[in-house]
């Protein structure tokens, strides 16, 4: 299957724990708003329109959670808001004031947008991580071209003393130097003097004794 599908599957797989955490928190918040909705809007007259009906109301816990989830998706929330503002309640129920209705819907919609944004941000973050881990055809070609210079016989081996130079030549993503080195280091080669070479030889000789 295509590369984009592999990236998407890997993103969802690695991001599943974080997505599960934010989903759990989202359901807790929705449940809290559902209970508040029961207190404010429980017992509203079913208008049968796009707002309060037998399919969307705050008369019990089950319907409250279902209704609050519906409102979180943006489905007909404005109709429900207008019904609540017109005090569409039976005479024996004290209708909430306009300030409570305004506060409930403003805070709820704002909170829903925040959680949806966090959900999308998590997916994009893990998608970016997976994208950085993918090696392109050009990068593989560069690696092969540089490798054959150090292993012309294609033995899959190279001398250890050439490994550092090879890693520096292939660059990122095969070399961590591009991510770790500060600006200026490794970019300007410095000529080592004969005295420094001799000092390093002496240190190696002393170490091996």
N, C-alpha and C. Protein backbone atom coordinates (compact mmCIF):
# COMPACT_ATOMS: atom_id res chain seq x y z
N UNK A 1 0.84 -1.19 0.00
CA UNK A 1 0.00 0.00 0.00
C UNK A 1 0.88 1.24 0.00
N UNK A 2 0.27 2.40 -0.19
CA UNK A 2 1.04 3.61 -0.45
C UNK A 2 1.78 4.10 0.78
N UNK A 3 2.76 4.95 0.53
CA UNK A 3 3.57 5.50 1.62
C UNK A 3 2.74 6.36 2.56
N UNK A 4 1.79 7.13 2.02
CA UNK A 4 0.98 8.01 2.86
C UNK A 4 0.11 7.19 3.82
N UNK A 5 -0.40 6.05 3.36
CA UNK A 5 -1.19 5.19 4.24
C UNK A 5 -0.32 4.62 5.35
N UNK A 6 0.91 4.23 5.02
CA UNK A 6 1.83 3.70 6.03
C UNK A 6 2.14 4.77 7.08
N UNK A 7 2.32 6.00 6.62
CA UNK A 7 2.58 7.09 7.56
C UNK A 7 1.39 7.32 8.47
N UNK A 8 0.19 7.28 7.91
CA UNK A 8 -1.01 7.51 8.70
C UNK A 8 -1.20 6.42 9.74
N UNK A 9 -0.99 5.15 9.32
CA UNK A 9 -1.14 4.04 10.26
C UNK A 9 -0.11 4.13 11.37
N UNK A 10 1.14 4.46 11.01
CA UNK A 10 2.19 4.59 12.03
C UNK A 10 1.89 5.75 12.98
N UNK A 11 1.35 6.85 12.43
CA UNK A 11 1.01 8.00 13.27
C UNK A 11 -0.05 7.63 14.30
N UNK A 12 -1.10 6.94 13.85
CA UNK A 12 -2.17 6.55 14.78
C UNK A 12 -1.69 5.52 15.79
N UNK A 13 -0.76 4.64 15.36
CA UNK A 13 -0.26 3.61 16.28
C UNK A 13 0.58 4.22 17.38
N UNK A 14 1.53 5.09 17.01
CA UNK A 14 2.40 5.69 18.01
C UNK A 14 1.68 6.76 18.83
N UNK A 15 0.69 7.40 18.23
CA UNK A 15 -0.02 8.45 18.94
C UNK A 15 -1.23 7.97 19.72
N UNK A 16 -1.50 6.65 19.67
CA UNK A 16 -2.69 6.12 20.33
C UNK A 16 -2.73 6.40 21.83
N UNK A 17 -1.62 6.22 22.58
CA UNK A 17 -1.69 6.52 24.03
C UNK A 17 -2.07 7.97 24.32
N UNK A 18 -1.45 8.91 23.62
CA UNK A 18 -1.77 10.32 23.84
C UNK A 18 -3.20 10.63 23.42
N UNK A 19 -3.65 10.03 22.32
CA UNK A 19 -5.02 10.25 21.87
C UNK A 19 -6.03 9.67 22.85
N UNK A 20 -5.70 8.51 23.42
CA UNK A 20 -6.60 7.91 24.41
C UNK A 20 -6.70 8.78 25.66
N UNK A 21 -5.58 9.37 26.07
CA UNK A 21 -5.59 10.24 27.25
C UNK A 21 -6.48 11.46 27.03
N UNK A 22 -6.29 12.12 25.89
CA UNK A 22 -7.07 13.34 25.64
C UNK A 22 -8.54 12.99 25.41
N UNK A 23 -8.81 11.80 24.83
CA UNK A 23 -10.20 11.37 24.64
C UNK A 23 -10.88 11.12 25.98
N UNK A 24 -10.15 10.50 26.92
CA UNK A 24 -10.71 10.26 28.25
C UNK A 24 -11.04 11.57 28.96
N UNK A 25 -10.11 12.52 28.89
CA UNK A 25 -10.35 13.83 29.51
C UNK A 25 -11.54 14.52 28.84
N UNK A 26 -11.64 14.39 27.51
CA UNK A 26 -12.75 15.01 26.78
C UNK A 26 -14.09 14.44 27.23
N UNK A 27 -14.17 13.13 27.44
CA UNK A 27 -15.42 12.52 27.87
C UNK A 27 -15.78 12.94 29.30
N UNK A 28 -14.78 13.11 30.14
CA UNK A 28 -15.05 13.59 31.50
C UNK A 28 -15.63 15.01 31.45
N UNK A 29 -15.04 15.85 30.60
CA UNK A 29 -15.54 17.23 30.47
C UNK A 29 -16.96 17.24 29.89
N UNK A 30 -17.20 16.40 28.88
CA UNK A 30 -18.55 16.32 28.30
C UNK A 30 -19.57 15.85 29.33
N UNK A 31 -19.18 14.91 30.17
CA UNK A 31 -20.10 14.42 31.21
C UNK A 31 -20.43 15.53 32.20
N UNK A 32 -19.43 16.32 32.57
CA UNK A 32 -19.67 17.43 33.49
C UNK A 32 -20.65 18.43 32.88
N UNK A 33 -20.44 18.77 31.61
CA UNK A 33 -21.36 19.70 30.95
C UNK A 33 -22.76 19.08 30.79
N UNK A 34 -22.82 17.77 30.59
CA UNK A 34 -24.12 17.11 30.49
C UNK A 34 -24.89 17.22 31.80
N UNK A 35 -24.21 17.06 32.93
CA UNK A 35 -24.88 17.18 34.22
C UNK A 35 -25.32 18.63 34.48
N UNK A 36 -24.47 19.57 34.09
CA UNK A 36 -24.86 20.98 34.23
C UNK A 36 -26.07 21.28 33.34
N UNK A 37 -26.08 20.68 32.13
CA UNK A 37 -27.21 20.87 31.23
C UNK A 37 -28.50 20.32 31.81
N UNK A 38 -28.42 19.18 32.55
CA UNK A 38 -29.62 18.64 33.19
C UNK A 38 -30.19 19.62 34.20
N UNK A 39 -29.29 20.29 34.95
CA UNK A 39 -29.74 21.25 35.95
C UNK A 39 -30.38 22.47 35.30
N UNK A 40 -29.78 22.94 34.21
CA UNK A 40 -30.26 24.18 33.59
C UNK A 40 -31.44 23.95 32.64
N UNK A 41 -31.37 22.89 31.83
CA UNK A 41 -32.33 22.72 30.73
C UNK A 41 -33.20 21.47 30.86
N UNK A 42 -33.13 20.78 31.97
CA UNK A 42 -33.96 19.61 32.15
C UNK A 42 -35.44 19.96 32.18
N UNK A 43 -36.27 19.21 31.45
CA UNK A 43 -37.71 19.45 31.44
C UNK A 43 -38.19 20.42 30.39
N UNK A 44 -37.32 20.85 29.48
CA UNK A 44 -37.76 21.78 28.42
C UNK A 44 -38.82 21.11 27.55
N UNK A 45 -39.72 21.92 27.06
CA UNK A 45 -40.78 21.42 26.19
C UNK A 45 -40.18 21.01 24.85
N UNK A 46 -40.53 19.82 24.38
CA UNK A 46 -40.02 19.33 23.10
C UNK A 46 -40.72 20.08 21.96
N UNK A 47 -39.95 20.84 21.24
CA UNK A 47 -40.52 21.65 20.17
C UNK A 47 -40.69 20.85 18.89
N UNK A 48 -39.96 19.72 18.79
CA UNK A 48 -40.08 18.90 17.59
C UNK A 48 -39.31 19.45 16.41
N UNK A 49 -38.60 20.55 16.59
CA UNK A 49 -37.82 21.14 15.51
C UNK A 49 -36.40 20.61 15.56
N UNK A 50 -35.46 21.40 15.06
CA UNK A 50 -34.06 20.96 15.05
C UNK A 50 -33.43 21.08 16.42
N UNK A 51 -34.12 21.65 17.38
CA UNK A 51 -33.55 21.86 18.71
C UNK A 51 -34.01 20.77 19.67
N UNK A 52 -34.75 21.16 20.70
CA UNK A 52 -35.17 20.22 21.74
C UNK A 52 -36.24 19.29 21.20
N UNK A 53 -35.98 17.99 21.29
CA UNK A 53 -36.93 16.98 20.83
C UNK A 53 -36.69 15.71 21.62
N UNK A 54 -37.40 14.64 21.26
CA UNK A 54 -37.19 13.38 21.96
C UNK A 54 -35.83 12.78 21.67
N UNK A 55 -35.15 13.29 20.64
CA UNK A 55 -33.82 12.80 20.28
C UNK A 55 -32.70 13.68 20.83
N UNK A 56 -33.04 14.82 21.36
CA UNK A 56 -32.02 15.74 21.89
C UNK A 56 -32.63 16.56 23.02
N UNK A 57 -32.31 16.18 24.25
CA UNK A 57 -32.82 16.90 25.41
C UNK A 57 -31.94 16.59 26.62
N UNK A 58 -32.25 17.24 27.72
CA UNK A 58 -31.50 17.05 28.96
C UNK A 58 -32.41 16.49 30.07
N UNK A 59 -33.33 15.64 29.68
CA UNK A 59 -34.29 15.11 30.65
C UNK A 59 -33.71 14.00 31.52
N UNK A 60 -32.68 13.28 31.03
CA UNK A 60 -32.03 12.23 31.82
C UNK A 60 -30.56 12.18 31.46
N UNK A 61 -29.80 11.36 32.22
CA UNK A 61 -28.35 11.33 32.05
C UNK A 61 -27.95 10.83 30.66
N UNK A 62 -28.62 9.76 30.20
CA UNK A 62 -28.26 9.19 28.90
C UNK A 62 -28.48 10.19 27.78
N UNK A 63 -29.66 10.80 27.74
CA UNK A 63 -29.96 11.77 26.68
C UNK A 63 -29.11 13.02 26.83
N UNK A 64 -28.73 13.36 28.06
CA UNK A 64 -27.90 14.54 28.26
C UNK A 64 -26.52 14.35 27.64
N UNK A 65 -25.92 13.18 27.88
CA UNK A 65 -24.61 12.89 27.29
C UNK A 65 -24.71 12.85 25.77
N UNK A 66 -25.76 12.22 25.27
CA UNK A 66 -25.95 12.15 23.82
C UNK A 66 -26.14 13.54 23.22
N UNK A 67 -26.91 14.37 23.89
CA UNK A 67 -27.16 15.72 23.39
C UNK A 67 -25.92 16.58 23.45
N UNK A 68 -25.16 16.47 24.53
CA UNK A 68 -23.96 17.31 24.66
C UNK A 68 -22.91 16.91 23.63
N UNK A 69 -22.87 15.61 23.29
CA UNK A 69 -21.95 15.18 22.23
C UNK A 69 -22.40 15.74 20.88
N UNK A 70 -23.71 15.75 20.68
CA UNK A 70 -24.25 16.33 19.44
C UNK A 70 -23.91 17.81 19.35
N UNK A 71 -24.08 18.53 20.45
CA UNK A 71 -23.75 19.96 20.43
C UNK A 71 -22.27 20.19 20.21
N UNK A 72 -21.42 19.28 20.74
CA UNK A 72 -19.97 19.43 20.57
C UNK A 72 -19.56 19.32 19.12
N UNK A 73 -20.32 18.57 18.32
CA UNK A 73 -20.02 18.45 16.90
C UNK A 73 -20.51 19.66 16.11
N UNK A 74 -21.26 20.55 16.78
CA UNK A 74 -21.78 21.74 16.10
C UNK A 74 -23.11 21.51 15.42
N UNK A 75 -23.74 20.36 15.67
CA UNK A 75 -25.00 20.03 15.01
C UNK A 75 -26.16 20.72 15.74
N UNK A 76 -26.76 21.72 15.11
CA UNK A 76 -27.98 22.40 15.60
C UNK A 76 -27.82 23.01 16.98
N UNK A 77 -26.62 23.39 17.35
CA UNK A 77 -26.45 23.98 18.68
C UNK A 77 -27.14 25.35 18.75
N UNK A 78 -27.18 26.05 17.64
CA UNK A 78 -27.81 27.37 17.65
C UNK A 78 -29.32 27.27 17.88
N UNK A 79 -29.96 26.20 17.33
CA UNK A 79 -31.39 26.01 17.58
C UNK A 79 -31.66 25.74 19.05
N UNK A 80 -30.81 24.91 19.65
CA UNK A 80 -30.98 24.62 21.08
C UNK A 80 -30.76 25.88 21.90
N UNK A 81 -29.79 26.68 21.50
CA UNK A 81 -29.51 27.93 22.20
C UNK A 81 -30.71 28.87 22.14
N UNK A 82 -31.35 28.99 20.97
CA UNK A 82 -32.51 29.87 20.83
C UNK A 82 -33.70 29.36 21.63
N UNK A 83 -33.88 28.03 21.67
CA UNK A 83 -34.97 27.48 22.48
C UNK A 83 -34.77 27.79 23.96
N UNK A 84 -33.51 27.67 24.41
CA UNK A 84 -33.22 27.97 25.82
C UNK A 84 -33.40 29.45 26.12
N UNK A 85 -33.09 30.31 25.16
CA UNK A 85 -33.23 31.75 25.37
C UNK A 85 -34.70 32.17 25.43
N UNK A 86 -35.56 31.47 24.73
CA UNK A 86 -36.99 31.83 24.73
C UNK A 86 -37.74 31.25 25.92
N UNK A 87 -36.97 30.62 26.84
CA UNK A 87 -37.57 30.05 28.05
C UNK A 87 -38.71 29.08 27.72
N UNK A 88 -38.41 28.14 26.85
CA UNK A 88 -39.41 27.15 26.42
C UNK A 88 -39.52 26.05 27.48
N UNK A 89 -40.06 26.44 28.66
CA UNK A 89 -40.19 25.51 29.79
C UNK A 89 -41.65 25.45 30.25
N UNK A 90 -42.05 24.35 30.89
CA UNK A 90 -43.38 24.30 31.50
C UNK A 90 -43.48 25.33 32.64
N UNK A 91 -44.71 25.65 33.02
CA UNK A 91 -44.91 26.67 34.04
C UNK A 91 -44.36 26.26 35.40
N UNK A 92 -44.33 24.95 35.67
CA UNK A 92 -43.90 24.50 37.00
C UNK A 92 -42.38 24.38 37.13
N UNK A 93 -41.63 24.73 36.08
CA UNK A 93 -40.16 24.71 36.11
C UNK A 93 -39.64 26.13 36.02
N UNK A 94 -38.74 26.48 36.92
CA UNK A 94 -38.13 27.82 36.89
C UNK A 94 -37.07 27.84 35.79
N UNK A 95 -37.27 28.68 34.81
CA UNK A 95 -36.34 28.76 33.68
C UNK A 95 -35.05 29.46 34.10
N UNK A 96 -33.91 29.02 33.57
CA UNK A 96 -32.64 29.69 33.88
C UNK A 96 -32.60 31.08 33.27
N UNK A 97 -31.87 31.96 33.89
CA UNK A 97 -31.73 33.31 33.36
C UNK A 97 -30.89 33.33 32.09
N UNK A 98 -31.01 34.42 31.34
CA UNK A 98 -30.26 34.55 30.10
C UNK A 98 -28.75 34.49 30.34
N UNK A 99 -28.32 35.03 31.47
CA UNK A 99 -26.89 35.02 31.76
C UNK A 99 -26.35 33.59 31.88
N UNK A 100 -27.14 32.70 32.53
CA UNK A 100 -26.71 31.30 32.66
C UNK A 100 -26.68 30.61 31.30
N UNK A 101 -27.65 30.90 30.46
CA UNK A 101 -27.69 30.29 29.12
C UNK A 101 -26.49 30.75 28.30
N UNK A 102 -26.22 32.07 28.32
CA UNK A 102 -25.06 32.60 27.61
C UNK A 102 -23.77 31.95 28.12
N UNK A 103 -23.60 31.92 29.42
CA UNK A 103 -22.37 31.38 30.01
C UNK A 103 -22.19 29.91 29.65
N UNK A 104 -23.26 29.12 29.71
CA UNK A 104 -23.16 27.69 29.42
C UNK A 104 -22.69 27.46 27.98
N UNK A 105 -23.33 28.09 27.02
CA UNK A 105 -23.01 27.82 25.63
C UNK A 105 -21.65 28.41 25.23
N UNK A 106 -21.33 29.59 25.74
CA UNK A 106 -20.02 30.19 25.40
C UNK A 106 -18.88 29.35 25.95
N UNK A 107 -18.97 28.97 27.23
CA UNK A 107 -17.91 28.17 27.84
C UNK A 107 -17.83 26.79 27.20
N UNK A 108 -19.00 26.19 26.93
CA UNK A 108 -18.98 24.85 26.34
C UNK A 108 -18.39 24.84 24.94
N UNK A 109 -18.81 25.75 24.09
CA UNK A 109 -18.30 25.78 22.72
C UNK A 109 -16.82 26.13 22.70
N UNK A 110 -16.40 27.03 23.58
CA UNK A 110 -14.98 27.38 23.65
C UNK A 110 -14.15 26.18 24.11
N UNK A 111 -14.64 25.45 25.12
CA UNK A 111 -13.93 24.27 25.61
C UNK A 111 -13.87 23.20 24.53
N UNK A 112 -14.95 23.01 23.79
CA UNK A 112 -14.97 22.00 22.72
C UNK A 112 -13.93 22.32 21.65
N UNK A 113 -13.84 23.58 21.28
CA UNK A 113 -12.86 23.98 20.27
C UNK A 113 -11.43 23.73 20.75
N UNK A 114 -11.18 23.99 22.03
CA UNK A 114 -9.84 23.76 22.58
C UNK A 114 -9.48 22.27 22.51
N UNK A 115 -10.39 21.41 22.93
CA UNK A 115 -10.10 19.97 22.92
C UNK A 115 -9.94 19.44 21.51
N UNK A 116 -10.74 19.92 20.59
CA UNK A 116 -10.60 19.49 19.20
C UNK A 116 -9.25 19.93 18.64
N UNK A 117 -8.83 21.15 18.99
CA UNK A 117 -7.53 21.65 18.53
C UNK A 117 -6.39 20.82 19.11
N UNK A 118 -6.49 20.45 20.39
CA UNK A 118 -5.46 19.61 21.01
C UNK A 118 -5.42 18.25 20.33
N UNK A 119 -6.57 17.69 20.04
CA UNK A 119 -6.65 16.39 19.37
C UNK A 119 -5.94 16.43 18.01
N UNK A 120 -6.23 17.47 17.24
CA UNK A 120 -5.60 17.61 15.92
C UNK A 120 -4.10 17.87 16.06
N UNK A 121 -3.71 18.66 17.08
CA UNK A 121 -2.29 18.97 17.28
C UNK A 121 -1.50 17.71 17.60
N UNK A 122 -2.07 16.80 18.38
CA UNK A 122 -1.38 15.55 18.70
C UNK A 122 -1.16 14.72 17.44
N UNK A 123 -2.18 14.63 16.60
CA UNK A 123 -2.05 13.86 15.36
C UNK A 123 -0.98 14.48 14.46
N UNK A 124 -1.00 15.81 14.32
CA UNK A 124 -0.01 16.47 13.47
C UNK A 124 1.41 16.32 14.03
N UNK A 125 1.55 16.36 15.35
CA UNK A 125 2.87 16.20 15.95
C UNK A 125 3.45 14.82 15.64
N UNK A 126 2.66 13.78 15.85
CA UNK A 126 3.14 12.42 15.59
C UNK A 126 3.31 12.18 14.10
N UNK A 127 2.51 12.81 13.28
CA UNK A 127 2.68 12.69 11.83
C UNK A 127 4.00 13.32 11.41
N UNK A 128 4.33 14.47 12.01
CA UNK A 128 5.61 15.10 11.70
C UNK A 128 6.79 14.24 12.13
N UNK A 129 6.67 13.58 13.29
CA UNK A 129 7.74 12.69 13.76
C UNK A 129 7.93 11.54 12.79
N UNK A 130 6.83 10.93 12.36
CA UNK A 130 6.92 9.80 11.42
C UNK A 130 7.49 10.25 10.08
N UNK A 131 7.13 11.45 9.65
CA UNK A 131 7.66 11.96 8.38
C UNK A 131 9.16 12.16 8.45
N UNK A 132 9.67 12.64 9.59
CA UNK A 132 11.11 12.84 9.75
C UNK A 132 11.87 11.51 9.75
N UNK A 133 11.20 10.43 10.16
CA UNK A 133 11.87 9.14 10.22
C UNK A 133 11.94 8.44 8.87
N UNK A 134 11.16 8.90 7.91
CA UNK A 134 11.14 8.27 6.60
C UNK A 134 12.34 8.75 5.78
N UNK A 135 13.04 7.82 5.16
CA UNK A 135 14.20 8.13 4.33
C UNK A 135 13.75 8.19 2.87
N UNK A 136 14.03 9.28 2.20
CA UNK A 136 13.59 9.46 0.82
C UNK A 136 14.49 8.71 -0.14
N UNK A 137 14.05 8.62 -1.40
CA UNK A 137 14.84 7.95 -2.44
C UNK A 137 16.16 8.69 -2.69
N UNK A 138 16.13 10.01 -2.63
CA UNK A 138 17.34 10.80 -2.83
C UNK A 138 18.36 10.53 -1.73
N UNK A 139 17.89 10.44 -0.49
CA UNK A 139 18.79 10.17 0.63
C UNK A 139 19.39 8.77 0.53
N UNK A 140 18.59 7.79 0.11
CA UNK A 140 19.13 6.44 -0.08
C UNK A 140 20.15 6.41 -1.21
N UNK A 141 19.88 7.17 -2.27
CA UNK A 141 20.82 7.23 -3.39
C UNK A 141 22.13 7.87 -2.96
N UNK A 142 22.04 8.95 -2.16
CA UNK A 142 23.26 9.60 -1.66
C UNK A 142 24.07 8.66 -0.79
N UNK A 143 23.39 7.90 0.05
CA UNK A 143 24.07 6.94 0.92
C UNK A 143 24.81 5.89 0.08
N UNK A 144 24.14 5.37 -0.95
CA UNK A 144 24.77 4.34 -1.78
C UNK A 144 25.98 4.88 -2.52
N UNK A 145 25.86 6.11 -3.03
CA UNK A 145 26.98 6.70 -3.77
C UNK A 145 28.19 6.92 -2.87
N UNK A 146 27.94 7.37 -1.64
CA UNK A 146 29.06 7.59 -0.72
C UNK A 146 29.64 6.26 -0.22
N UNK A 147 28.77 5.27 -0.01
CA UNK A 147 29.26 3.98 0.50
C UNK A 147 30.19 3.30 -0.48
N UNK A 148 29.86 3.35 -1.78
CA UNK A 148 30.67 2.66 -2.78
C UNK A 148 32.07 3.26 -2.89
N UNK A 149 32.22 4.53 -2.47
CA UNK A 149 33.55 5.15 -2.47
C UNK A 149 34.45 4.54 -1.42
N UNK A 150 33.87 4.11 -0.31
CA UNK A 150 34.64 3.52 0.78
C UNK A 150 34.64 1.99 0.73
N UNK A 151 33.75 1.42 -0.07
CA UNK A 151 33.67 -0.03 -0.22
C UNK A 151 33.50 -0.36 -1.70
N UNK A 152 34.52 -0.14 -2.50
CA UNK A 152 34.38 -0.34 -3.96
C UNK A 152 34.11 -1.79 -4.34
N UNK A 153 34.52 -2.74 -3.50
CA UNK A 153 34.29 -4.15 -3.79
C UNK A 153 32.90 -4.61 -3.36
N UNK A 154 32.11 -3.73 -2.75
CA UNK A 154 30.75 -4.04 -2.29
C UNK A 154 30.75 -5.26 -1.35
N UNK A 155 31.62 -5.17 -0.33
CA UNK A 155 31.72 -6.25 0.65
C UNK A 155 30.82 -6.00 1.86
N UNK A 156 30.17 -4.85 1.91
CA UNK A 156 29.33 -4.46 3.04
C UNK A 156 30.15 -4.16 4.29
N UNK A 157 31.46 -3.93 4.11
CA UNK A 157 32.34 -3.57 5.22
C UNK A 157 33.20 -2.40 4.78
N UNK A 158 33.66 -1.62 5.77
CA UNK A 158 34.61 -0.55 5.50
C UNK A 158 35.55 -0.43 6.70
N UNK A 159 36.74 0.09 6.51
CA UNK A 159 37.67 0.25 7.63
C UNK A 159 37.09 1.17 8.71
N UNK A 160 37.36 0.82 9.95
CA UNK A 160 36.80 1.59 11.06
C UNK A 160 37.28 3.04 11.03
N UNK A 161 38.53 3.27 10.67
CA UNK A 161 39.07 4.63 10.71
C UNK A 161 38.42 5.53 9.66
N UNK A 162 37.71 4.96 8.67
CA UNK A 162 37.02 5.76 7.67
C UNK A 162 35.55 6.00 8.01
N UNK A 163 35.08 5.38 9.08
CA UNK A 163 33.67 5.47 9.42
C UNK A 163 33.26 6.90 9.77
N UNK A 164 34.10 7.60 10.55
CA UNK A 164 33.78 8.96 10.93
C UNK A 164 33.66 9.88 9.73
N UNK A 165 34.59 9.75 8.79
CA UNK A 165 34.53 10.57 7.58
C UNK A 165 33.30 10.23 6.74
N UNK A 166 32.97 8.95 6.67
CA UNK A 166 31.79 8.53 5.91
C UNK A 166 30.51 9.12 6.51
N UNK A 167 30.37 9.04 7.83
CA UNK A 167 29.18 9.56 8.49
C UNK A 167 29.06 11.06 8.27
N UNK A 168 30.20 11.75 8.32
CA UNK A 168 30.17 13.20 8.11
C UNK A 168 29.76 13.54 6.68
N UNK A 169 30.10 12.67 5.73
CA UNK A 169 29.80 12.95 4.32
C UNK A 169 28.34 12.66 3.98
N UNK A 170 27.77 11.60 4.54
CA UNK A 170 26.39 11.27 4.18
C UNK A 170 25.40 12.24 4.78
N UNK A 171 25.74 12.81 5.96
CA UNK A 171 24.87 13.82 6.57
C UNK A 171 23.57 13.24 7.08
N UNK A 172 22.66 14.16 7.45
CA UNK A 172 21.36 13.77 8.01
C UNK A 172 20.50 13.15 6.91
N UNK A 173 19.70 12.10 7.15
CA UNK A 173 19.33 11.52 8.45
C UNK A 173 20.22 10.38 8.93
N UNK A 174 21.24 10.01 8.11
CA UNK A 174 22.09 8.88 8.51
C UNK A 174 23.09 9.28 9.58
N UNK A 175 23.43 10.54 9.62
CA UNK A 175 24.38 11.03 10.60
C UNK A 175 23.68 11.93 11.61
N UNK A 176 23.91 11.73 12.91
CA UNK A 176 23.31 12.61 13.92
C UNK A 176 24.03 13.94 14.06
N UNK A 177 25.12 14.11 13.34
CA UNK A 177 25.93 15.33 13.48
C UNK A 177 25.11 16.56 13.12
N UNK A 178 24.28 16.47 12.07
CA UNK A 178 23.49 17.62 11.65
C UNK A 178 22.53 18.07 12.74
N UNK A 179 22.09 17.15 13.59
CA UNK A 179 21.17 17.50 14.67
C UNK A 179 21.89 17.95 15.93
N UNK A 180 23.11 17.44 16.14
CA UNK A 180 23.77 17.65 17.42
C UNK A 180 24.84 18.74 17.40
N UNK A 181 25.48 18.94 16.27
CA UNK A 181 26.63 19.83 16.27
C UNK A 181 26.20 21.29 16.35
N UNK A 182 26.89 22.12 17.13
CA UNK A 182 26.65 23.56 17.12
C UNK A 182 27.15 24.17 15.81
N UNK A 183 26.68 25.37 15.53
CA UNK A 183 27.09 26.03 14.29
C UNK A 183 28.59 26.27 14.28
N UNK A 184 29.23 25.92 13.18
CA UNK A 184 30.66 26.17 13.01
C UNK A 184 31.52 24.95 13.28
N UNK A 185 31.09 24.04 14.15
CA UNK A 185 31.89 22.85 14.44
C UNK A 185 31.72 21.85 13.30
N UNK A 186 32.82 21.21 12.89
CA UNK A 186 32.88 20.23 11.80
C UNK A 186 32.75 20.87 10.43
N UNK A 187 32.24 22.09 10.36
CA UNK A 187 32.05 22.71 9.05
C UNK A 187 33.35 23.29 8.51
N UNK A 188 34.33 23.60 9.40
CA UNK A 188 35.60 24.16 8.98
C UNK A 188 36.73 23.22 9.42
N UNK A 189 37.22 22.39 8.53
CA UNK A 189 38.29 21.45 8.92
C UNK A 189 39.56 22.19 9.33
N UNK A 190 40.25 21.65 10.33
CA UNK A 190 41.48 22.27 10.82
C UNK A 190 42.65 21.32 10.58
N UNK A 191 43.73 21.86 10.07
CA UNK A 191 44.93 21.06 9.79
C UNK A 191 45.62 20.72 11.11
N UNK A 192 45.88 19.42 11.32
CA UNK A 192 46.57 18.97 12.53
C UNK A 192 48.08 19.00 12.29
N UNK A 193 48.78 19.57 13.22
CA UNK A 193 50.24 19.67 13.08
C UNK A 193 50.91 18.34 13.40
N UNK A 194 52.16 18.23 12.99
CA UNK A 194 52.93 17.00 13.25
C UNK A 194 53.12 16.77 14.74
N UNK A 195 53.25 17.86 15.50
CA UNK A 195 53.41 17.72 16.94
C UNK A 195 52.16 17.14 17.59
N UNK A 196 50.98 17.61 17.15
CA UNK A 196 49.74 17.07 17.68
C UNK A 196 49.56 15.61 17.32
N UNK A 197 49.96 15.24 16.09
CA UNK A 197 49.87 13.84 15.68
C UNK A 197 50.74 12.97 16.57
N UNK A 198 51.94 13.44 16.84
CA UNK A 198 52.86 12.67 17.68
C UNK A 198 52.33 12.55 19.11
N UNK A 199 51.75 13.64 19.61
CA UNK A 199 51.18 13.59 20.97
C UNK A 199 50.04 12.59 21.05
N UNK A 200 49.21 12.52 20.02
CA UNK A 200 48.10 11.56 20.02
C UNK A 200 48.62 10.13 19.92
N UNK A 201 49.66 9.93 19.13
CA UNK A 201 50.26 8.60 19.04
C UNK A 201 50.82 8.15 20.38
N UNK A 202 51.43 9.10 21.07
CA UNK A 202 52.00 8.75 22.38
C UNK A 202 50.90 8.39 23.38
N UNK A 203 49.78 9.11 23.33
CA UNK A 203 48.68 8.82 24.23
C UNK A 203 48.09 7.44 23.94
N UNK A 204 47.95 7.12 22.65
CA UNK A 204 47.43 5.80 22.29
C UNK A 204 48.40 4.71 22.73
N UNK A 205 49.72 4.95 22.53
CA UNK A 205 50.72 3.96 22.93
C UNK A 205 50.71 3.75 24.44
N UNK A 206 50.57 4.84 25.19
CA UNK A 206 50.52 4.72 26.65
C UNK A 206 49.27 4.00 27.11
N UNK A 207 48.18 4.20 26.40
CA UNK A 207 46.93 3.57 26.76
C UNK A 207 46.98 2.05 26.54
N UNK A 208 47.67 1.66 25.47
CA UNK A 208 47.74 0.24 25.11
C UNK A 208 48.75 -0.53 25.93
N UNK A 209 49.60 0.16 26.69
CA UNK A 209 50.60 -0.54 27.49
C UNK A 209 49.93 -1.27 28.67
